[in-house]
Protein backbone atom coordinates (compact mmCIF):
# COMPACT_ATOMS: atom_id res chain seq x y z
CA UNK A 1 88.51 98.72 105.05
CA UNK A 2 91.79 98.92 103.31
CA UNK A 3 91.27 101.63 100.69
CA UNK A 4 93.65 99.97 98.29
CA UNK A 5 91.49 96.88 98.18
CA UNK A 6 89.67 98.92 95.53
CA UNK A 7 92.11 101.74 94.67
CA UNK A 8 95.88 101.80 94.42
CA UNK A 9 97.59 102.33 97.79
CA UNK A 10 99.13 105.63 96.68
CA UNK A 11 96.31 106.96 94.50
CA UNK A 12 94.67 110.36 94.96
CA UNK A 13 91.41 108.50 95.68
CA UNK A 14 93.01 106.61 98.56
CA UNK A 15 94.49 109.82 99.96
CA UNK A 16 91.11 111.54 99.88
CA UNK A 17 89.39 108.59 101.53
CA UNK A 18 91.99 108.56 104.30
CA UNK A 19 91.46 112.27 104.85
CA UNK A 20 87.71 111.74 104.98
CA UNK A 21 88.12 108.86 107.43
CA UNK A 22 90.58 110.47 109.81
CA UNK A 23 89.92 114.20 109.78
CA UNK A 24 86.33 115.11 109.11
CA UNK A 25 84.29 112.54 111.13
CA UNK A 26 86.13 113.05 114.38
CA UNK A 27 84.64 116.53 114.68
CA UNK A 28 81.11 115.30 115.51
CA UNK A 29 79.52 112.57 117.62
CA UNK A 30 77.92 111.02 114.52
CA UNK A 31 81.27 111.11 112.78
CA UNK A 32 82.94 109.34 115.69
CA UNK A 33 80.27 106.64 115.49
CA UNK A 34 80.94 106.21 111.76
CA UNK A 35 84.65 105.77 112.47
CA UNK A 36 83.84 103.21 115.18
CA UNK A 37 81.62 101.26 112.77
CA UNK A 38 84.35 101.46 110.12
CA UNK A 39 86.81 99.73 112.42
CA UNK A 40 84.21 97.23 113.59
CA UNK A 41 83.18 96.09 110.10
CA UNK A 42 86.09 96.87 107.78
CA UNK A 43 87.78 93.45 108.06
CA UNK A 44 84.58 91.62 107.15
CA UNK A 45 83.93 93.97 104.23
CA UNK A 46 87.48 93.57 102.89
CA UNK A 47 87.11 89.77 103.09
CA UNK A 48 83.82 89.91 101.19
CA UNK A 49 85.35 92.20 98.55
CA UNK A 50 88.25 89.81 98.01
CA UNK A 51 85.87 86.86 97.64
CA UNK A 52 83.19 88.44 95.44
CA UNK A 53 84.04 90.53 92.37
CA UNK A 54 80.44 91.68 91.91
CA UNK A 55 80.29 92.97 95.49
CA UNK A 56 83.66 94.68 94.98
CA UNK A 57 82.28 96.52 91.95
CA UNK A 58 79.17 97.59 93.87
CA UNK A 59 81.30 98.95 96.72
CA UNK A 60 83.58 100.73 94.25
CA UNK A 61 80.58 102.43 92.59
CA UNK A 62 79.34 103.58 95.99
CA UNK A 63 82.77 104.92 96.99
CA UNK A 64 83.19 106.62 93.60
CA UNK A 65 79.94 108.49 94.36
CA UNK A 66 81.27 109.57 97.75
CA UNK A 67 84.49 110.77 96.12
CA UNK A 68 82.54 112.82 93.56
CA UNK A 69 80.58 114.42 96.36
CA UNK A 70 83.60 115.36 98.47
CA UNK A 71 85.53 116.61 95.45
CA UNK A 72 82.67 118.96 94.69
CA UNK A 73 82.79 120.32 98.23
CA UNK A 74 86.58 120.47 98.59
CA UNK A 75 87.28 122.40 95.37
C-alpha cells in the first residue's frame, strides 16, 4: 500500500512505516510472510481506500495505532 495514500509522501509517519516494512519483518519467517501479503494485497487496499473515505479513516486509525506502538519501542 502506498503509505502516502493516507500520510504525506515525505512525512515522518511514512518514513517510519517504510522502515517497518523493509527492515524489521525480513528478519523472521513470519515477517517475510507479512511482506509477501503486503505486496499481494496492497493494490486492492489502496483502490478501496481511494474509493471509500470511511474505510480510509478506519485504516488510518489502525495504522496510527501501529505507529504509536513502534514509537514507544523505538524511543
